[in-house]
PDB file of all heavy atoms in Angstrom:
ATOM      1  N   ALA A   1     -21.427 -55.893 -64.265  1.00  0.00           N
ATOM      2  CA  ALA A   1     -21.686 -54.604 -63.801  1.00  0.00           C
ATOM      3  C   ALA A   1     -23.129 -54.494 -63.340  1.00  0.00           C
ATOM      4  O   ALA A   1     -23.977 -55.305 -63.961  1.00  0.00           O
ATOM      5  CB  ALA A   1     -21.536 -53.579 -64.822  1.00  0.00           C
ATOM      6  N   MET A   2     -23.465 -53.761 -62.334  1.00  0.00           N
ATOM      7  CA  MET A   2     -24.795 -53.494 -61.917  1.00  0.00           C
ATOM      8  C   MET A   2     -25.049 -52.084 -61.752  1.00  0.00           C
ATOM      9  O   MET A   2     -24.111 -51.299 -61.376  1.00  0.00           O
ATOM     10  CB  MET A   2     -25.192 -54.218 -60.588  1.00  0.00           C
ATOM     11  CG  MET A   2     -24.935 -55.737 -60.632  1.00  0.00           C
ATOM     12  SD  MET A   2     -25.377 -56.581 -59.159  1.00  0.00           S
ATOM     13  CE  MET A   2     -27.045 -56.862 -59.475  1.00  0.00           C
ATOM     14  N   GLY A   3     -26.109 -51.541 -62.110  1.00  0.00           N
ATOM     15  CA  GLY A   3     -26.382 -50.050 -62.044  1.00  0.00           C
ATOM     16  C   GLY A   3     -27.814 -49.781 -61.803  1.00  0.00           C
ATOM     17  O   GLY A   3     -28.692 -50.549 -61.850  1.00  0.00           O
ATOM     18  N   TRP A   4     -28.036 -48.466 -61.580  1.00  0.00           N
ATOM     19  CA  TRP A   4     -29.264 -47.929 -61.369  1.00  0.00           C
ATOM     20  C   TRP A   4     -29.564 -46.764 -62.345  1.00  0.00           C
ATOM     21  O   TRP A   4     -28.644 -45.837 -62.526  1.00  0.00           O
ATOM     22  CB  TRP A   4     -29.659 -47.395 -60.003  1.00  0.00           C
ATOM     23  CG  TRP A   4     -29.648 -48.484 -59.014  1.00  0.00           C
ATOM     24  CD1 TRP A   4     -28.617 -49.016 -58.171  1.00  0.00           C
ATOM     25  CD2 TRP A   4     -30.832 -49.298 -58.619  1.00  0.00           C
ATOM     26  NE1 TRP A   4     -29.126 -50.022 -57.381  1.00  0.00           N
ATOM     27  CE2 TRP A   4     -30.388 -50.154 -57.637  1.00  0.00           C
ATOM     28  CE3 TRP A   4     -32.227 -49.179 -59.104  1.00  0.00           C
ATOM     29  CZ2 TRP A   4     -31.322 -51.028 -57.035  1.00  0.00           C
ATOM     30  CZ3 TRP A   4     -33.063 -50.075 -58.512  1.00  0.00           C
ATOM     31  CH2 TRP A   4     -32.700 -50.986 -57.487  1.00  0.00           C
ATOM     32  N   TYR A   5     -30.692 -46.841 -63.074  1.00  0.00           N
ATOM     33  CA  TYR A   5     -31.098 -45.679 -64.017  1.00  0.00           C
ATOM     34  C   TYR A   5     -32.369 -45.219 -63.476  1.00  0.00           C
ATOM     35  O   TYR A   5     -33.084 -45.870 -62.684  1.00  0.00           O
ATOM     36  CB  TYR A   5     -31.195 -46.241 -65.445  1.00  0.00           C
ATOM     37  CG  TYR A   5     -29.983 -46.632 -66.140  1.00  0.00           C
ATOM     38  CD1 TYR A   5     -29.257 -47.854 -65.820  1.00  0.00           C
ATOM     39  CD2 TYR A   5     -29.521 -45.880 -67.233  1.00  0.00           C
ATOM     40  CE1 TYR A   5     -28.059 -48.066 -66.538  1.00  0.00           C
ATOM     41  CE2 TYR A   5     -28.399 -46.232 -67.916  1.00  0.00           C
ATOM     42  CZ  TYR A   5     -27.701 -47.362 -67.526  1.00  0.00           C
ATOM     43  OH  TYR A   5     -26.561 -47.716 -68.291  1.00  0.00           O
ATOM     44  N   ARG A   6     -32.696 -44.057 -63.954  1.00  0.00           N
ATOM     45  CA  ARG A   6     -33.911 -43.327 -63.571  1.00  0.00           C
ATOM     46  C   ARG A   6     -34.604 -42.635 -64.805  1.00  0.00           C
ATOM     47  O   ARG A   6     -33.798 -42.178 -65.602  1.00  0.00           O
ATOM     48  CB  ARG A   6     -33.815 -42.481 -62.311  1.00  0.00           C
ATOM     49  CG  ARG A   6     -33.147 -41.259 -62.577  1.00  0.00           C
ATOM     50  CD  ARG A   6     -32.997 -40.538 -61.313  1.00  0.00           C
ATOM     51  NE  ARG A   6     -32.153 -39.238 -61.419  1.00  0.00           N
ATOM     52  CZ  ARG A   6     -31.876 -38.443 -60.398  1.00  0.00           C
ATOM     53  NH1 ARG A   6     -32.167 -38.836 -59.108  1.00  0.00           N
ATOM     54  NH2 ARG A   6     -31.183 -37.326 -60.622  1.00  0.00           N
ATOM     55  N   GLN A   7     -35.855 -42.552 -64.813  1.00  0.00           N
ATOM     56  CA  GLN A   7     -36.531 -41.928 -65.860  1.00  0.00           C
ATOM     57  C   GLN A   7     -37.742 -41.217 -65.264  1.00  0.00           C
ATOM     58  O   GLN A   7     -38.668 -41.829 -64.840  1.00  0.00           O
ATOM     59  CB  GLN A   7     -36.996 -42.922 -66.934  1.00  0.00           C
ATOM     60  CG  GLN A   7     -37.554 -42.194 -68.160  1.00  0.00           C
ATOM     61  CD  GLN A   7     -37.744 -43.188 -69.368  1.00  0.00           C
ATOM     62  OE1 GLN A   7     -37.810 -44.354 -69.160  1.00  0.00           O
ATOM     63  NE2 GLN A   7     -37.690 -42.525 -70.538  1.00  0.00           N
ATOM     64  N   ALA A   8     -37.673 -39.881 -65.482  1.00  0.00           N
ATOM     65  CA  ALA A   8     -38.860 -39.019 -65.081  1.00  0.00           C
ATOM     66  C   ALA A   8     -39.756 -38.795 -66.275  1.00  0.00           C
ATOM     67  O   ALA A   8     -39.359 -38.940 -67.386  1.00  0.00           O
ATOM     68  CB  ALA A   8     -38.404 -37.763 -64.621  1.00  0.00           C
ATOM     69  N   PRO A   9     -41.104 -38.533 -65.992  1.00  0.00           N
ATOM     70  CA  PRO A   9     -41.844 -38.373 -67.203  1.00  0.00           C
ATOM     71  C   PRO A   9     -41.404 -37.184 -68.126  1.00  0.00           C
ATOM     72  O   PRO A   9     -40.997 -36.187 -67.746  1.00  0.00           O
ATOM     73  CB  PRO A   9     -43.183 -37.837 -66.581  1.00  0.00           C
ATOM     74  CG  PRO A   9     -43.174 -38.517 -65.198  1.00  0.00           C
ATOM     75  CD  PRO A   9     -41.737 -38.412 -64.796  1.00  0.00           C
ATOM     76  N   GLY A  10     -41.372 -37.641 -69.432  1.00  0.00           N
ATOM     77  CA  GLY A  10     -41.001 -36.704 -70.483  1.00  0.00           C
ATOM     78  C   GLY A  10     -39.508 -36.476 -70.615  1.00  0.00           C
ATOM     79  O   GLY A  10     -38.963 -35.634 -71.368  1.00  0.00           O
ATOM     80  N   LYS A  11     -38.687 -37.251 -69.736  1.00  0.00           N
ATOM     81  CA  LYS A  11     -37.196 -37.141 -69.894  1.00  0.00           C
ATOM     82  C   LYS A  11     -36.610 -38.491 -70.253  1.00  0.00           C
ATOM     83  O   LYS A  11     -37.170 -39.578 -70.187  1.00  0.00           O
ATOM     84  CB  LYS A  11     -36.682 -36.684 -68.474  1.00  0.00           C
ATOM     85  CG  LYS A  11     -37.202 -35.428 -67.988  1.00  0.00           C
ATOM     86  CD  LYS A  11     -36.610 -35.021 -66.683  1.00  0.00           C
ATOM     87  CE  LYS A  11     -35.175 -34.819 -66.661  1.00  0.00           C
ATOM     88  NZ  LYS A  11     -34.602 -34.398 -65.336  1.00  0.00           N
ATOM     89  N   GLN A  12     -35.400 -38.440 -70.695  1.00  0.00           N
ATOM     90  CA  GLN A  12     -34.652 -39.597 -71.066  1.00  0.00           C
ATOM     91  C   GLN A  12     -34.237 -40.319 -69.912  1.00  0.00           C
ATOM     92  O   GLN A  12     -33.825 -39.712 -68.868  1.00  0.00           O
ATOM     93  CB  GLN A  12     -33.433 -39.107 -72.032  1.00  0.00           C
ATOM     94  CG  GLN A  12     -32.603 -40.307 -72.490  1.00  0.00           C
ATOM     95  CD  GLN A  12     -31.548 -39.762 -73.473  1.00  0.00           C
ATOM     96  OE1 GLN A  12     -31.622 -38.663 -73.897  1.00  0.00           O
ATOM     97  NE2 GLN A  12     -30.560 -40.667 -73.700  1.00  0.00           N
ATOM     98  N   ARG A  13     -34.090 -41.624 -70.015  1.00  0.00           N
ATOM     99  CA  ARG A  13     -33.573 -42.522 -69.028  1.00  0.00           C
ATOM    100  C   ARG A  13     -32.127 -42.178 -68.721  1.00  0.00           C
ATOM    101  O   ARG A  13     -31.334 -42.039 -69.736  1.00  0.00           O
ATOM    102  CB  ARG A  13     -33.737 -43.881 -69.325  1.00  0.00           C
ATOM    103  CG  ARG A  13     -33.339 -44.831 -68.143  1.00  0.00           C
ATOM    104  CD  ARG A  13     -33.629 -46.318 -68.447  1.00  0.00           C
ATOM    105  NE  ARG A  13     -35.049 -46.519 -68.642  1.00  0.00           N
ATOM    106  CZ  ARG A  13     -35.693 -47.687 -68.805  1.00  0.00           C
ATOM    107  NH1 ARG A  13     -34.893 -48.769 -68.776  1.00  0.00           N
ATOM    108  NH2 ARG A  13     -37.016 -47.831 -68.976  1.00  0.00           N
ATOM    109  N   GLU A  14     -31.629 -41.960 -67.596  1.00  0.00           N
ATOM    110  CA  GLU A  14     -30.337 -41.460 -67.237  1.00  0.00           C
ATOM    111  C   GLU A  14     -29.630 -42.474 -66.306  1.00  0.00           C
ATOM    112  O   GLU A  14     -30.377 -43.042 -65.368  1.00  0.00           O
ATOM    113  CB  GLU A  14     -30.244 -40.122 -66.753  1.00  0.00           C
ATOM    114  CG  GLU A  14     -30.953 -39.914 -65.462  1.00  0.00           C
ATOM    115  CD  GLU A  14     -30.804 -38.552 -64.811  1.00  0.00           C
ATOM    116  OE1 GLU A  14     -29.847 -37.824 -65.269  1.00  0.00           O
ATOM    117  OE2 GLU A  14     -31.570 -38.184 -63.901  1.00  0.00           O
ATOM    118  N   LEU A  15     -28.359 -42.555 -66.357  1.00  0.00           N
ATOM    119  CA  LEU A  15     -27.594 -43.458 -65.476  1.00  0.00           C
ATOM    120  C   LEU A  15     -27.451 -42.698 -64.099  1.00  0.00           C
ATOM    121  O   LEU A  15     -26.971 -41.652 -64.138  1.00  0.00           O
ATOM    122  CB  LEU A  15     -26.263 -43.763 -66.073  1.00  0.00           C
ATOM    123  CG  LEU A  15     -25.296 -44.573 -65.097  1.00  0.00           C
ATOM    124  CD1 LEU A  15     -25.852 -46.010 -64.766  1.00  0.00           C
ATOM    125  CD2 LEU A  15     -23.865 -44.751 -65.730  1.00  0.00           C
ATOM    126  N   VAL A  16     -27.757 -43.346 -63.021  1.00  0.00           N
ATOM    127  CA  VAL A  16     -27.667 -42.706 -61.673  1.00  0.00           C
ATOM    128  C   VAL A  16     -26.383 -43.142 -60.942  1.00  0.00           C
ATOM    129  O   VAL A  16     -25.564 -42.329 -60.472  1.00  0.00           O
ATOM    130  CB  VAL A  16     -28.862 -42.956 -60.803  1.00  0.00           C
ATOM    131  CG1 VAL A  16     -28.765 -42.503 -59.399  1.00  0.00           C
ATOM    132  CG2 VAL A  16     -30.193 -42.540 -61.489  1.00  0.00           C
ATOM    133  N   ALA A  17     -26.173 -44.520 -60.945  1.00  0.00           N
ATOM    134  CA  ALA A  17     -25.040 -45.026 -60.270  1.00  0.00           C
ATOM    135  C   ALA A  17     -24.757 -46.347 -60.807  1.00  0.00           C
ATOM    136  O   ALA A  17     -25.538 -47.058 -61.344  1.00  0.00           O
ATOM    137  CB  ALA A  17     -25.260 -45.131 -58.785  1.00  0.00           C
ATOM    138  N   GLN A  18     -23.407 -46.700 -60.814  1.00  0.00           N
ATOM    139  CA  GLN A  18     -22.953 -48.037 -61.404  1.00  0.00           C
ATOM    140  C   GLN A  18     -21.885 -48.604 -60.515  1.00  0.00           C
ATOM    141  O   GLN A  18     -21.069 -47.901 -60.032  1.00  0.00           O
ATOM    142  CB  GLN A  18     -22.501 -47.696 -62.800  1.00  0.00           C
ATOM    143  CG  GLN A  18     -22.173 -48.964 -63.526  1.00  0.00           C
ATOM    144  CD  GLN A  18     -21.684 -48.597 -65.008  1.00  0.00           C
ATOM    145  OE1 GLN A  18     -21.456 -47.505 -65.337  1.00  0.00           O
ATOM    146  NE2 GLN A  18     -21.658 -49.615 -65.825  1.00  0.00           N
ATOM    147  N   ILE A  19     -21.877 -49.940 -60.517  1.00  0.00           N
ATOM    148  CA  ILE A  19     -20.786 -50.596 -59.768  1.00  0.00           C
ATOM    149  C   ILE A  19     -20.221 -51.679 -60.804  1.00  0.00           C
ATOM    150  O   ILE A  19     -21.031 -52.502 -61.378  1.00  0.00           O
ATOM    151  CB  ILE A  19     -21.212 -51.064 -58.409  1.00  0.00           C
ATOM    152  CG1 ILE A  19     -20.038 -51.764 -57.735  1.00  0.00           C
ATOM    153  CG2 ILE A  19     -22.376 -52.132 -58.547  1.00  0.00           C
ATOM    154  CD1 ILE A  19     -20.179 -52.123 -56.233  1.00  0.00           C
ATOM    155  N   ILE A  20     -18.916 -51.607 -60.886  1.00  0.00           N
ATOM    156  CA  ILE A  20     -18.358 -52.452 -62.026  1.00  0.00           C
ATOM    157  C   ILE A  20     -17.350 -53.393 -61.224  1.00  0.00           C
ATOM    158  O   ILE A  20     -16.551 -52.933 -60.474  1.00  0.00           O
ATOM    159  CB  ILE A  20     -17.660 -51.702 -63.065  1.00  0.00           C
ATOM    160  CG1 ILE A  20     -18.694 -50.793 -63.851  1.00  0.00           C
ATOM    161  CG2 ILE A  20     -16.972 -52.670 -64.009  1.00  0.00           C
ATOM    162  CD1 ILE A  20     -18.076 -49.841 -64.710  1.00  0.00           C
ATOM    163  N   GLY A  21     -17.245 -54.673 -61.522  1.00  0.00           N
ATOM    164  CA  GLY A  21     -16.322 -55.553 -61.031  1.00  0.00           C
ATOM    165  C   GLY A  21     -16.359 -55.850 -59.517  1.00  0.00           C
ATOM    166  O   GLY A  21     -15.532 -56.296 -58.855  1.00  0.00           O
ATOM    167  N   GLY A  22     -17.515 -55.482 -59.002  1.00  0.00           N
ATOM    168  CA  GLY A  22     -17.871 -55.712 -57.626  1.00  0.00           C
ATOM    169  C   GLY A  22     -17.467 -54.641 -56.593  1.00  0.00           C
ATOM    170  O   GLY A  22     -18.027 -54.569 -55.415  1.00  0.00           O
ATOM    171  N   ASP A  23     -16.642 -53.664 -57.003  1.00  0.00           N
ATOM    172  CA  ASP A  23     -16.215 -52.612 -56.074  1.00  0.00           C
ATOM    173  C   ASP A  23     -15.946 -51.178 -56.689  1.00  0.00           C
ATOM    174  O   ASP A  23     -15.809 -50.166 -56.007  1.00  0.00           O
ATOM    175  CB  ASP A  23     -15.018 -53.000 -55.361  1.00  0.00           C
ATOM    176  CG  ASP A  23     -13.838 -53.429 -56.269  1.00  0.00           C
ATOM    177  OD1 ASP A  23     -13.903 -53.135 -57.448  1.00  0.00           O
ATOM    178  OD2 ASP A  23     -12.901 -53.906 -55.685  1.00  0.00           O
ATOM    179  N   SER A  24     -15.838 -51.081 -57.946  1.00  0.00           N
ATOM    180  CA  SER A  24     -15.669 -49.827 -58.612  1.00  0.00           C
ATOM    181  C   SER A  24     -16.921 -49.137 -58.934  1.00  0.00           C
ATOM    182  O   SER A  24     -17.835 -49.684 -59.519  1.00  0.00           O
ATOM    183  CB  SER A  24     -14.796 -50.083 -59.881  1.00  0.00           C
ATOM    184  OG  SER A  24     -14.536 -48.765 -60.530  1.00  0.00           O
ATOM    185  N   THR A  25     -17.096 -47.972 -58.395  1.00  0.00           N
ATOM    186  CA  THR A  25     -18.322 -47.203 -58.450  1.00  0.00           C
ATOM    187  C   THR A  25     -18.181 -45.871 -59.206  1.00  0.00           C
ATOM    188  O   THR A  25     -17.117 -45.312 -59.285  1.00  0.00           O
ATOM    189  CB  THR A  25     -18.975 -46.921 -57.064  1.00  0.00           C
ATOM    190  OG1 THR A  25     -18.080 -46.074 -56.358  1.00  0.00           O
ATOM    191  CG2 THR A  25     -19.084 -48.271 -56.322  1.00  0.00           C
ATOM    192  N   MET A  26     -19.269 -45.436 -59.681  1.00  0.00           N
ATOM    193  CA  MET A  26     -19.447 -44.070 -60.311  1.00  0.00           C
ATOM    194  C   MET A  26     -20.830 -43.583 -60.072  1.00  0.00           C
ATOM    195  O   MET A  26     -21.778 -44.400 -59.936  1.00  0.00           O
ATOM    196  CB  MET A  26     -19.012 -44.046 -61.781  1.00  0.00           C
ATOM    197  CG  MET A  26     -19.973 -45.003 -62.700  1.00  0.00           C
ATOM    198  SD  MET A  26     -19.711 -44.704 -64.452  1.00  0.00           S
ATOM    199  CE  MET A  26     -20.319 -43.046 -64.628  1.00  0.00           C
ATOM    200  N   TYR A  27     -20.977 -42.257 -60.094  1.00  0.00           N
ATOM    201  CA  TYR A  27     -22.211 -41.622 -59.830  1.00  0.00           C
ATOM    202  C   TYR A  27     -22.499 -40.515 -60.751  1.00  0.00           C
ATOM    203  O   TYR A  27     -21.513 -39.818 -61.183  1.00  0.00           O
ATOM    204  CB  TYR A  27     -22.325 -41.052 -58.323  1.00  0.00           C
ATOM    205  CG  TYR A  27     -22.128 -42.195 -57.351  1.00  0.00           C
ATOM    206  CD1 TYR A  27     -20.850 -42.523 -56.829  1.00  0.00           C
ATOM    207  CD2 TYR A  27     -23.212 -42.920 -56.874  1.00  0.00           C
ATOM    208  CE1 TYR A  27     -20.672 -43.511 -55.822  1.00  0.00           C
ATOM    209  CE2 TYR A  27     -23.048 -43.806 -55.847  1.00  0.00           C
ATOM    210  CZ  TYR A  27     -21.812 -44.113 -55.408  1.00  0.00           C
ATOM    211  OH  TYR A  27     -21.701 -45.139 -54.430  1.00  0.00           O
ATOM    212  N   ALA A  28     -23.628 -40.180 -61.050  1.00  0.00           N
ATOM    213  CA  ALA A  28     -24.005 -38.936 -61.696  1.00  0.00           C
ATOM    214  C   ALA A  28     -23.744 -37.845 -60.823  1.00  0.00           C
ATOM    215  O   ALA A  28     -23.849 -37.862 -59.696  1.00  0.00           O
ATOM    216  CB  ALA A  28     -25.497 -38.990 -62.159  1.00  0.00           C
ATOM    217  N   ASP A  29     -23.489 -36.788 -61.448  1.00  0.00           N
ATOM    218  CA  ASP A  29     -23.074 -35.610 -60.700  1.00  0.00           C
ATOM    219  C   ASP A  29     -24.141 -35.091 -59.756  1.00  0.00           C
ATOM    220  O   ASP A  29     -23.936 -34.580 -58.663  1.00  0.00           O
ATOM    221  CB  ASP A  29     -22.645 -34.373 -61.586  1.00  0.00           C
ATOM    222  CG  ASP A  29     -21.250 -34.597 -62.234  1.00  0.00           C
ATOM    223  OD1 ASP A  29     -20.527 -35.385 -61.748  1.00  0.00           O
ATOM    224  OD2 ASP A  29     -21.088 -33.953 -63.315  1.00  0.00           O
ATOM    225  N   SER A  30     -25.411 -35.255 -60.239  1.00  0.00           N
ATOM    226  CA  SER A  30     -26.607 -34.860 -59.483  1.00  0.00           C
ATOM    227  C   SER A  30     -26.897 -35.584 -58.193  1.00  0.00           C
ATOM    228  O   SER A  30     -27.508 -35.166 -57.295  1.00  0.00           O
ATOM    229  CB  SER A  30     -27.857 -34.934 -60.342  1.00  0.00           C
ATOM    230  OG  SER A  30     -28.055 -36.238 -60.821  1.00  0.00           O
ATOM    231  N   VAL A  31     -26.180 -36.775 -57.973  1.00  0.00           N
ATOM    232  CA  VAL A  31     -26.467 -37.635 -56.753  1.00  0.00           C
ATOM    233  C   VAL A  31     -25.021 -37.833 -55.996  1.00  0.00           C
ATOM    234  O   VAL A  31     -25.281 -38.395 -54.836  1.00  0.00           O
ATOM    235  CB  VAL A  31     -27.055 -38.931 -57.124  1.00  0.00           C
ATOM    236  CG1 VAL A  31     -28.277 -38.740 -58.018  1.00  0.00           C
ATOM    237  CG2 VAL A  31     -25.978 -39.740 -57.921  1.00  0.00           C
ATOM    238  N   LYS A  32     -23.931 -37.277 -56.422  1.00  0.00           N
ATOM    239  CA  LYS A  32     -22.795 -37.501 -55.694  1.00  0.00           C
ATOM    240  C   LYS A  32     -22.942 -36.925 -54.302  1.00  0.00           C
ATOM    241  O   LYS A  32     -23.338 -35.796 -54.157  1.00  0.00           O
ATOM    242  CB  LYS A  32     -21.658 -36.896 -56.403  1.00  0.00           C
ATOM    243  CG  LYS A  32     -21.175 -37.655 -57.716  1.00  0.00           C
ATOM    244  CD  LYS A  32     -19.953 -36.935 -58.298  1.00  0.00           C
ATOM    245  CE  LYS A  32     -19.531 -37.702 -59.482  1.00  0.00           C
ATOM    246  NZ  LYS A  32     -18.369 -37.082 -60.243  1.00  0.00           N
ATOM    247  N   GLY A  33     -22.384 -37.648 -53.313  1.00  0.00           N
ATOM    248  CA  GLY A  33     -22.547 -37.214 -51.944  1.00  0.00           C
ATOM    249  C   GLY A  33     -23.807 -37.580 -51.304  1.00  0.00           C
ATOM    250  O   GLY A  33     -23.835 -37.441 -50.048  1.00  0.00           O
ATOM    251  N   ARG A  34     -24.806 -37.906 -51.992  1.00  0.00           N
ATOM    252  CA  ARG A  34     -26.176 -38.297 -51.497  1.00  0.00           C
ATOM    253  C   ARG A  34     -26.526 -39.785 -51.669  1.00  0.00           C
ATOM    254  O   ARG A  34     -27.163 -40.355 -50.702  1.00  0.00           O
ATOM    255  CB  ARG A  34     -27.208 -37.393 -52.014  1.00  0.00           C
ATOM    256  CG  ARG A  34     -26.996 -35.952 -51.919  1.00  0.00           C
ATOM    257  CD  ARG A  34     -28.284 -35.182 -52.391  1.00  0.00           C
ATOM    258  NE  ARG A  34     -28.468 -35.251 -53.795  1.00  0.00           N
ATOM    259  CZ  ARG A  34     -29.596 -35.851 -54.402  1.00  0.00           C
ATOM    260  NH1 ARG A  34     -30.604 -36.273 -53.521  1.00  0.00           N
ATOM    261  NH2 ARG A  34     -29.608 -35.876 -55.575  1.00  0.00           N
ATOM    262  N   PHE A  35     -26.142 -40.306 -52.704  1.00  0.00           N
ATOM    263  CA  PHE A  35     -26.457 -41.716 -52.972  1.00  0.00           C
ATOM    264  C   PHE A  35     -25.264 -42.554 -52.932  1.00  0.00           C
ATOM    265  O   PHE A  35     -24.186 -42.228 -53.162  1.00  0.00           O
ATOM    266  CB  PHE A  35     -27.052 -41.835 -54.503  1.00  0.00           C
ATOM    267  CG  PHE A  35     -28.416 -41.213 -54.702  1.00  0.00           C
ATOM    268  CD1 PHE A  35     -28.925 -40.458 -53.792  1.00  0.00           C
ATOM    269  CD2 PHE A  35     -28.996 -41.496 -55.929  1.00  0.00           C
ATOM    270  CE1 PHE A  35     -30.210 -39.875 -54.043  1.00  0.00           C
ATOM    271  CE2 PHE A  35     -30.291 -40.933 -56.111  1.00  0.00           C
ATOM    272  CZ  PHE A  35     -30.833 -40.117 -55.131  1.00  0.00           C
ATOM    273  N   THR A  36     -25.425 -43.852 -52.566  1.00  0.00           N
ATOM    274  CA  THR A  36     -24.423 -44.808 -52.349  1.00  0.00           C
ATOM    275  C   THR A  36     -24.878 -46.142 -53.036  1.00  0.00           C
ATOM    276  O   THR A  36     -25.863 -46.646 -52.596  1.00  0.00           O
ATOM    277  CB  THR A  36     -23.956 -45.037 -50.907  1.00  0.00           C
ATOM    278  OG1 THR A  36     -23.554 -43.781 -50.362  1.00  0.00           O
ATOM    279  CG2 THR A  36     -22.772 -46.051 -50.937  1.00  0.00           C
ATOM    280  N   ILE A  37     -24.110 -46.628 -53.949  1.00  0.00           N
ATOM    281  CA  ILE A  37     -24.408 -47.942 -54.518  1.00  0.00           C
ATOM    282  C   ILE A  37     -23.498 -48.990 -53.960  1.00  0.00           C
ATOM    283  O   ILE A  37     -22.238 -48.757 -53.672  1.00  0.00           O
ATOM    284  CB  ILE A  37     -24.201 -47.918 -56.185  1.00  0.00           C
ATOM    285  CG1 ILE A  37     -24.733 -49.178 -56.807  1.00  0.00           C
ATOM    286  CG2 ILE A  37     -22.791 -47.676 -56.574  1.00  0.00           C
ATOM    287  CD1 ILE A  37     -24.824 -49.167 -58.233  1.00  0.00           C
ATOM    288  N   SER A  38     -24.053 -50.074 -53.672  1.00  0.00           N
ATOM    289  CA  SER A  38     -23.209 -51.272 -53.167  1.00  0.00           C
ATOM    290  C   SER A  38     -23.804 -52.551 -53.699  1.00  0.00           C
ATOM    291  O   SER A  38     -24.933 -52.619 -54.198  1.00  0.00           O
ATOM    292  CB  SER A  38     -23.383 -51.170 -51.612  1.00  0.00           C
ATOM    293  OG  SER A  38     -24.636 -51.306 -51.124  1.00  0.00           O
ATOM    294  N   ARG A  39     -22.998 -53.583 -53.426  1.00  0.00           N
ATOM    295  CA  ARG A  39     -23.416 -54.954 -54.084  1.00  0.00           C
ATOM    296  C   ARG A  39     -23.052 -55.967 -53.117  1.00  0.00           C
ATOM    297  O   ARG A  39     -21.953 -55.968 -52.467  1.00  0.00           O
ATOM    298  CB  ARG A  39     -22.724 -55.046 -55.335  1.00  0.00           C
ATOM    299  CG  ARG A  39     -22.855 -56.457 -55.984  1.00  0.00           C
ATOM    300  CD  ARG A  39     -22.005 -56.426 -57.272  1.00  0.00           C
ATOM    301  NE  ARG A  39     -21.918 -57.869 -57.755  1.00  0.00           N
ATOM    302  CZ  ARG A  39     -21.246 -58.294 -58.873  1.00  0.00           C
ATOM    303  NH1 ARG A  39     -20.554 -57.375 -59.612  1.00  0.00           N
ATOM    304  NH2 ARG A  39     -21.257 -59.584 -59.226  1.00  0.00           N
ATOM    305  N   ASP A  40     -23.897 -56.981 -52.937  1.00  0.00           N
ATOM    306  CA  ASP A  40     -23.622 -58.150 -52.162  1.00  0.00           C
ATOM    307  C   ASP A  40     -23.381 -59.120 -53.280  1.00  0.00           C
ATOM    308  O   ASP A  40     -24.257 -59.715 -53.947  1.00  0.00           O
ATOM    309  CB  ASP A  40     -24.830 -58.534 -51.402  1.00  0.00           C
ATOM    310  CG  ASP A  40     -24.609 -59.820 -50.587  1.00  0.00           C
ATOM    311  OD1 ASP A  40     -23.713 -60.637 -50.952  1.00  0.00           O
ATOM    312  OD2 ASP A  40     -25.218 -59.994 -49.427  1.00  0.00           O
ATOM    313  N   ASN A  41     -22.062 -59.452 -53.584  1.00  0.00           N
ATOM    314  CA  ASN A  41     -21.714 -60.270 -54.593  1.00  0.00           C
ATOM    315  C   ASN A  41     -22.086 -61.703 -54.447  1.00  0.00           C
ATOM    316  O   ASN A  41     -22.390 -62.432 -55.483  1.00  0.00           O
ATOM    317  CB  ASN A  41     -20.181 -60.313 -54.727  1.00  0.00           C
ATOM    318  CG  ASN A  41     -19.507 -58.916 -55.141  1.00  0.00           C
ATOM    319  OD1 ASN A  41     -20.264 -58.137 -55.913  1.00  0.00           O
ATOM    320  ND2 ASN A  41     -18.337 -58.582 -54.704  1.00  0.00           N
ATOM    321  N   ALA A  42     -22.126 -62.246 -53.200  1.00  0.00           N
ATOM    322  CA  ALA A  42     -22.601 -63.506 -52.970  1.00  0.00           C
ATOM    323  C   ALA A  42     -24.019 -63.758 -53.173  1.00  0.00           C
ATOM    324  O   ALA A  42     -24.470 -64.850 -53.713  1.00  0.00           O
ATOM    325  CB  ALA A  42     -22.301 -64.000 -51.571  1.00  0.00           C
TER     326      ALA A  42
END
């Protein structure tokens, strides 16, 4: 799995987007429709 987390000052680190198994993705509600995660497996 590969993913992106973010942390703002004074806030807990949160999961933004994740890709599992090379093609299965999920997103935090706050970024859905705006962010896209992708992976170059090679």
